[in-house]
């Protein structure tokens, strides 16, 4: 399972605690505003037989023009050990 999106929540947040209790959280990255990212308002959580291989905010000219939030990227490996 992968859950991601713009949650517009600050940490710590009581509203996000149920997600943190059930899923692994990818390290937060500053994604807003795109010109000078200061706040990590976008999140990725994952669970099941996944191992996080890489993650980050995608910072290109195109991503800064496309939205007021930078997109997040995460690459996972499927593990037979977890799940």
PDB file of N, CA and C in Angstrom:
ATOM      1  N   UNK A   1       0.837  -1.170   0.000  1.00  0.00           N
ATOM      2  CA  UNK A   1       0.000   0.000   0.000  1.00  0.00           C
ATOM      3  C   UNK A   1       0.886   1.239   0.000  1.00  0.00           C
ATOM      4  N   UNK A   2       0.505   2.201  -0.796  1.00  0.00           N
ATOM      5  CA  UNK A   2       1.187   3.501  -0.813  1.00  0.00           C
ATOM      6  C   UNK A   2       0.112   4.574  -0.732  1.00  0.00           C
ATOM      7  N   UNK A   3       0.278   5.482   0.202  1.00  0.00           N
ATOM      8  CA  UNK A   3      -0.645   6.601   0.374  1.00  0.00           C
ATOM      9  C   UNK A   3       0.180   7.872   0.257  1.00  0.00           C
ATOM     10  N   UNK A   4      -0.218   8.746  -0.641  1.00  0.00           N
ATOM     11  CA  UNK A   4       0.530   9.984  -0.806  1.00  0.00           C
ATOM     12  C   UNK A   4      -0.393  11.109  -1.216  1.00  0.00           C
ATOM     13  N   UNK A   5       0.043  12.312  -0.911  1.00  0.00           N
ATOM     14  CA  UNK A   5      -0.745  13.456  -1.326  1.00  0.00           C
ATOM     15  C   UNK A   5      -0.403  14.716  -0.574  1.00  0.00           C
ATOM     16  N   UNK A   6      -1.149  15.742  -0.890  1.00  0.00           N
ATOM     17  CA  UNK A   6      -1.028  17.049  -0.261  1.00  0.00           C
ATOM     18  C   UNK A   6      -1.959  17.056   0.945  1.00  0.00           C
ATOM     19  N   UNK A   7      -1.393  16.902   2.130  1.00  0.00           N
ATOM     20  CA  UNK A   7      -2.190  16.830   3.353  1.00  0.00           C
ATOM     21  C   UNK A   7      -2.342  18.183   4.039  1.00  0.00           C
ATOM     22  N   UNK A   8      -1.545  19.170   3.620  1.00  0.00           N
ATOM     23  CA  UNK A   8      -1.612  20.512   4.207  1.00  0.00           C
ATOM     24  C   UNK A   8      -1.655  20.474   5.732  1.00  0.00           C
ATOM     25  N   UNK A   9      -0.866  19.605   6.313  1.00  0.00           N
ATOM     26  CA  UNK A   9      -0.801  19.460   7.767  1.00  0.00           C
ATOM     27  C   UNK A   9       0.610  19.729   8.256  1.00  0.00           C
ATOM     28  N   UNK A  10       0.696  20.348   9.404  1.00  0.00           N
ATOM     29  CA  UNK A  10       1.972  20.575  10.060  1.00  0.00           C
ATOM     30  C   UNK A  10       2.250  19.421  10.998  1.00  0.00           C
ATOM     31  N   UNK A  11       3.486  19.157  11.267  1.00  0.00           N
ATOM     32  CA  UNK A  11       3.862  18.146  12.263  1.00  0.00           C
ATOM     33  C   UNK A  11       4.216  18.844  13.544  1.00  0.00           C
ATOM     34  N   UNK A  12       3.908  18.299  14.702  1.00  0.00           N
ATOM     35  CA  UNK A  12       3.101  17.097  14.897  1.00  0.00           C
ATOM     36  C   UNK A  12       1.620  17.419  14.732  1.00  0.00           C
ATOM     37  N   UNK A  13       0.892  16.485  14.206  1.00  0.00           N
ATOM     38  CA  UNK A  13      -0.533  16.675  13.971  1.00  0.00           C
ATOM     39  C   UNK A  13      -1.292  15.458  14.502  1.00  0.00           C
ATOM     40  N   UNK A  14      -2.278  15.698  15.339  1.00  0.00           N
ATOM     41  CA  UNK A  14      -3.102  14.600  15.858  1.00  0.00           C
ATOM     42  C   UNK A  14      -3.822  13.878  14.725  1.00  0.00           C
ATOM     43  N   UNK A  15      -4.166  14.606  13.683  1.00  0.00           N
ATOM     44  CA  UNK A  15      -4.907  14.000  12.576  1.00  0.00           C
ATOM     45  C   UNK A  15      -4.080  12.991  11.785  1.00  0.00           C
ATOM     46  N   UNK A  16      -2.754  13.122  11.811  1.00  0.00           N
ATOM     47  CA  UNK A  16      -1.896  12.207  11.055  1.00  0.00           C
ATOM     48  C   UNK A  16      -1.367  11.045  11.900  1.00  0.00           C
ATOM     49  N   UNK A  17      -1.573  11.097  13.209  1.00  0.00           N
ATOM     50  CA  UNK A  17      -1.072  10.030  14.088  1.00  0.00           C
ATOM     51  C   UNK A  17      -1.601   8.645  13.720  1.00  0.00           C
ATOM     52  N   UNK A  18      -2.876   8.481  13.336  1.00  0.00           N
ATOM     53  CA  UNK A  18      -3.335   7.143  12.940  1.00  0.00           C
ATOM     54  C   UNK A  18      -2.562   6.578  11.735  1.00  0.00           C
ATOM     55  N   UNK A  19      -2.185   7.436  10.803  1.00  0.00           N
ATOM     56  CA  UNK A  19      -1.388   6.969   9.667  1.00  0.00           C
ATOM     57  C   UNK A  19       0.006   6.562  10.116  1.00  0.00           C
ATOM     58  N   UNK A  20       0.625   7.382  10.976  1.00  0.00           N
ATOM     59  CA  UNK A  20       1.957   7.054  11.488  1.00  0.00           C
ATOM     60  C   UNK A  20       1.948   5.756  12.283  1.00  0.00           C
ATOM     61  N   UNK A  21       0.836   5.447  12.936  1.00  0.00           N
ATOM     62  CA  UNK A  21       0.745   4.233  13.749  1.00  0.00           C
ATOM     63  C   UNK A  21       0.606   2.971  12.886  1.00  0.00           C
ATOM     64  N   UNK A  22       0.067   3.108  11.683  1.00  0.00           N
ATOM     65  CA  UNK A  22      -0.218   1.933  10.863  1.00  0.00           C
ATOM     66  C   UNK A  22       0.738   1.744   9.692  1.00  0.00           C
ATOM     67  N   UNK A  23       1.358   2.829   9.237  1.00  0.00           N
ATOM     68  CA  UNK A  23       2.209   2.778   8.044  1.00  0.00           C
ATOM     69  C   UNK A  23       3.579   3.386   8.324  1.00  0.00           C
ATOM     70  N   UNK A  24       4.538   3.036   7.484  1.00  0.00           N
ATOM     71  CA  UNK A  24       5.869   3.656   7.534  1.00  0.00           C
ATOM     72  C   UNK A  24       5.785   5.009   6.837  1.00  0.00           C
ATOM     73  N   UNK A  25       6.476   5.977   7.372  1.00  0.00           N
ATOM     74  CA  UNK A  25       6.458   7.314   6.775  1.00  0.00           C
ATOM     75  C   UNK A  25       7.780   7.576   6.065  1.00  0.00           C
ATOM     76  N   UNK A  26       7.697   8.046   4.832  1.00  0.00           N
ATOM     77  CA  UNK A  26       8.885   8.491   4.101  1.00  0.00           C
ATOM     78  C   UNK A  26       9.326   9.812   4.718  1.00  0.00           C
ATOM     79  N   UNK A  27      10.606  10.028   4.807  1.00  0.00           N
ATOM     80  CA  UNK A  27      11.134  11.273   5.380  1.00  0.00           C
ATOM     81  C   UNK A  27      10.500  12.465   4.674  1.00  0.00           C
ATOM     82  N   UNK A  28      10.025  13.405   5.476  1.00  0.00           N
ATOM     83  CA  UNK A  28       9.371  14.594   4.921  1.00  0.00           C
ATOM     84  C   UNK A  28      10.382  15.467   4.188  1.00  0.00           C
ATOM     85  N   UNK A  29       9.929  16.060   3.093  1.00  0.00           N
ATOM     86  CA  UNK A  29      10.739  16.980   2.303  1.00  0.00           C
ATOM     87  C   UNK A  29       9.966  18.279   2.123  1.00  0.00           C
ATOM     88  N   UNK A  30      10.670  19.373   2.134  1.00  0.00           N
ATOM     89  CA  UNK A  30      10.030  20.670   1.887  1.00  0.00           C
ATOM     90  C   UNK A  30       9.560  20.710   0.435  1.00  0.00           C
ATOM     91  N   UNK A  31       8.278  20.992   0.247  1.00  0.00           N
ATOM     92  CA  UNK A  31       7.692  21.005  -1.100  1.00  0.00           C
ATOM     93  C   UNK A  31       6.927  22.293  -1.419  1.00  0.00           C
ATOM     94  N   UNK A  32       6.757  23.148  -0.418  1.00  0.00           N
ATOM     95  CA  UNK A  32       5.948  24.348  -0.651  1.00  0.00           C
ATOM     96  C   UNK A  32       6.595  25.562  -0.021  1.00  0.00           C
ATOM     97  N   UNK A  33       6.579  26.689  -0.674  1.00  0.00           N
ATOM     98  CA  UNK A  33       6.228  26.955  -2.070  1.00  0.00           C
ATOM     99  C   UNK A  33       7.359  26.519  -3.007  1.00  0.00           C
ATOM    100  N   UNK A  34       7.041  26.346  -4.257  1.00  0.00           N
ATOM    101  CA  UNK A  34       8.026  25.775  -5.180  1.00  0.00           C
ATOM    102  C   UNK A  34       9.260  26.651  -5.359  1.00  0.00           C
ATOM    103  N   UNK A  35       9.093  27.952  -5.298  1.00  0.00           N
ATOM    104  CA  UNK A  35      10.242  28.825  -5.541  1.00  0.00           C
ATOM    105  C   UNK A  35      11.303  28.666  -4.450  1.00  0.00           C
ATOM    106  N   UNK A  36      10.894  28.681  -3.197  1.00  0.00           N
ATOM    107  CA  UNK A  36      11.794  28.473  -2.058  1.00  0.00           C
ATOM    108  C   UNK A  36      11.094  27.531  -1.085  1.00  0.00           C
ATOM    109  N   UNK A  37      11.183  26.230  -1.317  1.00  0.00           N
ATOM    110  CA  UNK A  37      10.448  25.281  -0.469  1.00  0.00           C
ATOM    111  C   UNK A  37      10.885  25.366   0.994  1.00  0.00           C
ATOM    112  N   UNK A  38       9.916  25.664   1.844  1.00  0.00           N
ATOM    113  CA  UNK A  38      10.165  25.778   3.285  1.00  0.00           C
ATOM    114  C   UNK A  38       9.360  24.782   4.104  1.00  0.00           C
ATOM    115  N   UNK A  39       8.180  24.414   3.617  1.00  0.00           N
ATOM    116  CA  UNK A  39       7.274  23.571   4.398  1.00  0.00           C
ATOM    117  C   UNK A  39       7.052  22.219   3.740  1.00  0.00           C
ATOM    118  N   UNK A  40       6.956  21.189   4.571  1.00  0.00           N
ATOM    119  CA  UNK A  40       6.690  19.825   4.099  1.00  0.00           C
ATOM    120  C   UNK A  40       5.203  19.527   4.294  1.00  0.00           C
ATOM    121  N   UNK A  41       4.395  19.936   3.343  1.00  0.00           N
ATOM    122  CA  UNK A  41       2.949  19.742   3.432  1.00  0.00           C
ATOM    123  C   UNK A  41       2.483  18.498   2.698  1.00  0.00           C
ATOM    124  N   UNK A  42       3.332  17.919   1.877  1.00  0.00           N
ATOM    125  CA  UNK A  42       3.010  16.720   1.110  1.00  0.00           C
ATOM    126  C   UNK A  42       3.682  15.521   1.782  1.00  0.00           C
ATOM    127  N   UNK A  43       3.029  14.373   1.749  1.00  0.00           N
ATOM    128  CA  UNK A  43       3.513  13.206   2.496  1.00  0.00           C
ATOM    129  C   UNK A  43       3.386  11.921   1.686  1.00  0.00           C
ATOM    130  N   UNK A  44       4.209  10.958   2.063  1.00  0.00           N
ATOM    131  CA  UNK A  44       4.105   9.595   1.531  1.00  0.00           C
ATOM    132  C   UNK A  44       4.213   8.625   2.706  1.00  0.00           C
ATOM    133  N   UNK A  45       3.277   7.686   2.771  1.00  0.00           N
ATOM    134  CA  UNK A  45       3.325   6.572   3.717  1.00  0.00           C
ATOM    135  C   UNK A  45       3.259   5.287   2.902  1.00  0.00           C
ATOM    136  N   UNK A  46       3.791   4.206   3.470  1.00  0.00           N
ATOM    137  CA  UNK A  46       3.734   2.925   2.777  1.00  0.00           C
ATOM    138  C   UNK A  46       3.654   1.787   3.781  1.00  0.00           C
ATOM    139  N   UNK A  47       3.177   0.655   3.293  1.00  0.00           N
ATOM    140  CA  UNK A  47       3.071  -0.519   4.145  1.00  0.00           C
ATOM    141  C   UNK A  47       3.103  -1.777   3.309  1.00  0.00           C
ATOM    142  N   UNK A  48       3.104  -2.902   3.973  1.00  0.00           N
ATOM    143  CA  UNK A  48       3.151  -4.174   3.266  1.00  0.00           C
ATOM    144  C   UNK A  48       4.564  -4.558   2.893  1.00  0.00           C
ATOM    145  N   UNK A  49       4.714  -5.336   1.835  1.00  0.00           N
ATOM    146  CA  UNK A  49       6.028  -5.874   1.483  1.00  0.00           C
ATOM    147  C   UNK A  49       6.875  -4.899   0.667  1.00  0.00           C
ATOM    148  N   UNK A  50       6.966  -3.656   1.123  1.00  0.00           N
ATOM    149  CA  UNK A  50       7.734  -2.638   0.402  1.00  0.00           C
ATOM    150  C   UNK A  50       8.913  -2.172   1.232  1.00  0.00           C
ATOM    151  N   UNK A  51      10.014  -1.939   0.557  1.00  0.00           N
ATOM    152  CA  UNK A  51      11.186  -1.328   1.176  1.00  0.00           C
ATOM    153  C   UNK A  51      11.505  -0.058   0.407  1.00  0.00           C
ATOM    154  N   UNK A  52      11.659   1.033   1.111  1.00  0.00           N
ATOM    155  CA  UNK A  52      11.975   2.305   0.478  1.00  0.00           C
ATOM    156  C   UNK A  52      13.407   2.271  -0.027  1.00  0.00           C
ATOM    157  N   UNK A  53      13.587   2.569  -1.303  1.00  0.00           N
ATOM    158  CA  UNK A  53      14.920   2.593  -1.908  1.00  0.00           C
ATOM    159  C   UNK A  53      15.443   4.024  -2.034  1.00  0.00           C
ATOM    160  N   UNK A  54      14.565   4.956  -2.417  1.00  0.00           N
ATOM    161  CA  UNK A  54      14.979   6.353  -2.588  1.00  0.00           C
ATOM    162  C   UNK A  54      13.747   7.239  -2.502  1.00  0.00           C
ATOM    163  N   UNK A  55      13.967   8.491  -2.098  1.00  0.00           N
ATOM    164  CA  UNK A  55      12.859   9.448  -2.066  1.00  0.00           C
ATOM    165  C   UNK A  55      13.419  10.860  -2.142  1.00  0.00           C
ATOM    166  N   UNK A  56      12.550  11.798  -2.497  1.00  0.00           N
ATOM    167  CA  UNK A  56      12.961  13.189  -2.541  1.00  0.00           C
ATOM    168  C   UNK A  56      11.926  14.048  -3.220  1.00  0.00           C
ATOM    169  N   UNK A  57      12.161  15.330  -3.176  1.00  0.00           N
ATOM    170  CA  UNK A  57      11.326  16.285  -3.909  1.00  0.00           C
ATOM    171  C   UNK A  57      11.967  16.492  -5.277  1.00  0.00           C
ATOM    172  N   UNK A  58      11.135  16.580  -6.301  1.00  0.00           N
ATOM    173  CA  UNK A  58      11.631  16.765  -7.672  1.00  0.00           C
ATOM    174  C   UNK A  58      11.683  18.258  -7.946  1.00  0.00           C
ATOM    175  N   UNK A  59      12.899  18.764  -8.122  1.00  0.00           N
ATOM    176  CA  UNK A  59      13.095  20.209  -8.309  1.00  0.00           C
ATOM    177  C   UNK A  59      13.654  20.482  -9.693  1.00  0.00           C
ATOM    178  N   UNK A  60      12.762  20.819 -10.594  1.00  0.00           N
ATOM    179  CA  UNK A  60      13.162  21.204 -11.948  1.00  0.00           C
ATOM    180  C   UNK A  60      12.400  22.470 -12.319  1.00  0.00           C
ATOM    181  N   UNK A  61      12.791  23.078 -13.396  1.00  0.00           N
ATOM    182  CA  UNK A  61      12.072  24.275 -13.870  1.00  0.00           C
ATOM    183  C   UNK A  61      10.607  23.922 -14.152  1.00  0.00           C
ATOM    184  N   UNK A  62      10.404  22.753 -14.764  1.00  0.00           N
ATOM    185  CA  UNK A  62       9.040  22.332 -15.111  1.00  0.00           C
ATOM    186  C   UNK A  62       8.187  22.094 -13.860  1.00  0.00           C
ATOM    187  N   UNK A  63       8.738  21.463 -12.835  1.00  0.00           N
ATOM    188  CA  UNK A  63       7.928  21.202 -11.644  1.00  0.00           C
ATOM    189  C   UNK A  63       7.612  22.482 -10.887  1.00  0.00           C
ATOM    190  N   UNK A  64       8.508  23.461 -10.947  1.00  0.00           N
ATOM    191  CA  UNK A  64       8.216  24.736 -10.285  1.00  0.00           C
ATOM    192  C   UNK A  64       7.124  25.502 -11.021  1.00  0.00           C
ATOM    193  N   UNK A  65       7.005  25.302 -12.320  1.00  0.00           N
ATOM    194  CA  UNK A  65       5.962  25.975 -13.095  1.00  0.00           C
ATOM    195  C   UNK A  65       4.623  25.243 -13.034  1.00  0.00           C
ATOM    196  N   UNK A  66       4.653  23.945 -12.837  1.00  0.00           N
ATOM    197  CA  UNK A  66       3.441  23.124 -12.926  1.00  0.00           C
ATOM    198  C   UNK A  66       2.499  23.297 -11.737  1.00  0.00           C
ATOM    199  N   UNK A  67       3.039  23.618 -10.554  1.00  0.00           N
ATOM    200  CA  UNK A  67       2.215  23.672  -9.358  1.00  0.00           C
ATOM    201  C   UNK A  67       2.873  24.566  -8.323  1.00  0.00           C
ATOM    202  N   UNK A  68       2.123  24.895  -7.275  1.00  0.00           N
ATOM    203  CA  UNK A  68       2.734  25.643  -6.168  1.00  0.00           C
ATOM    204  C   UNK A  68       3.409  24.700  -5.176  1.00  0.00           C
ATOM    205  N   UNK A  69       3.264  23.367  -5.368  1.00  0.00           N
ATOM    206  CA  UNK A  69       3.946  22.348  -4.570  1.00  0.00           C
ATOM    207  C   UNK A  69       4.904  21.576  -5.479  1.00  0.00           C
ATOM    208  N   UNK A  70       6.092  21.266  -4.985  1.00  0.00           N
ATOM    209  CA  UNK A  70       6.972  20.365  -5.718  1.00  0.00           C
ATOM    210  C   UNK A  70       6.447  18.942  -5.591  1.00  0.00           C
ATOM    211  N   UNK A  71       6.575  18.133  -6.644  1.00  0.00           N
ATOM    212  CA  UNK A  71       6.156  16.742  -6.519  1.00  0.00           C
ATOM    213  C   UNK A  71       7.159  15.940  -5.696  1.00  0.00           C
ATOM    214  N   UNK A  72       6.645  14.940  -5.012  1.00  0.00           N
ATOM    215  CA  UNK A  72       7.493  14.003  -4.282  1.00  0.00           C
ATOM    216  C   UNK A  72       7.715  12.765  -5.137  1.00  0.00           C
ATOM    217  N   UNK A  73       8.871  12.142  -4.956  1.00  0.00           N
ATOM    218  CA  UNK A  73       9.210  10.912  -5.647  1.00  0.00           C
ATOM    219  C   UNK A  73       9.636   9.890  -4.603  1.00  0.00           C
ATOM    220  N   UNK A  74       9.197   8.659  -4.780  1.00  0.00           N
ATOM    221  CA  UNK A  74       9.665   7.560  -3.932  1.00  0.00           C
ATOM    222  C   UNK A  74       9.784   6.315  -4.797  1.00  0.00           C
ATOM    223  N   UNK A  75      10.868   5.586  -4.589  1.00  0.00           N
ATOM    224  CA  UNK A  75      11.087   4.330  -5.308  1.00  0.00           C
ATOM    225  C   UNK A  75      11.143   3.212  -4.273  1.00  0.00           C
ATOM    226  N   UNK A  76      10.373   2.151  -4.530  1.00  0.00           N
ATOM    227  CA  UNK A  76      10.252   1.046  -3.591  1.00  0.00           C
ATOM    228  C   UNK A  76      10.708  -0.265  -4.225  1.00  0.00           C
ATOM    229  N   UNK A  77      11.173  -1.156  -3.386  1.00  0.00           N
ATOM    230  CA  UNK A  77      11.439  -2.539  -3.762  1.00  0.00           C
ATOM    231  C   UNK A  77      10.400  -3.410  -3.082  1.00  0.00           C
ATOM    232  N   UNK A  78       9.933  -4.430  -3.778  1.00  0.00           N
ATOM    233  CA  UNK A  78       9.010  -5.381  -3.179  1.00  0.00           C
ATOM    234  C   UNK A  78       9.861  -6.446  -2.488  1.00  0.00           C
ATOM    235  N   UNK A  79       9.602  -6.655  -1.201  1.00  0.00           N
ATOM    236  CA  UNK A  79      10.387  -7.588  -0.397  1.00  0.00           C
ATOM    237  C   UNK A  79       9.551  -8.795  -0.031  1.00  0.00           C
ATOM    238  N   UNK A  80      10.144  -9.945  -0.081  1.00  0.00           N
ATOM    239  CA  UNK A  80       9.457 -11.162   0.373  1.00  0.00           C
ATOM    240  C   UNK A  80       9.575 -11.301   1.875  1.00  0.00           C
ATOM    241  N   UNK A  81      10.457 -10.522   2.502  1.00  0.00           N
ATOM    242  CA  UNK A  81      10.701 -10.604   3.946  1.00  0.00           C
ATOM    243  C   UNK A  81       9.639  -9.860   4.754  1.00  0.00           C
ATOM    244  N   UNK A  82       9.094  -8.769   4.187  1.00  0.00           N
ATOM    245  CA  UNK A  82       8.145  -7.933   4.914  1.00  0.00           C
ATOM    246  C   UNK A  82       6.728  -8.257   4.496  1.00  0.00           C
ATOM    247  N   UNK A  83       5.794  -7.760   5.271  1.00  0.00           N
ATOM    248  CA  UNK A  83       4.445  -7.824   4.793  1.00  0.00           C
ATOM    249  C   UNK A  83       3.468  -8.377   5.707  1.00  0.00           C
TER     250      UNK A  83
END
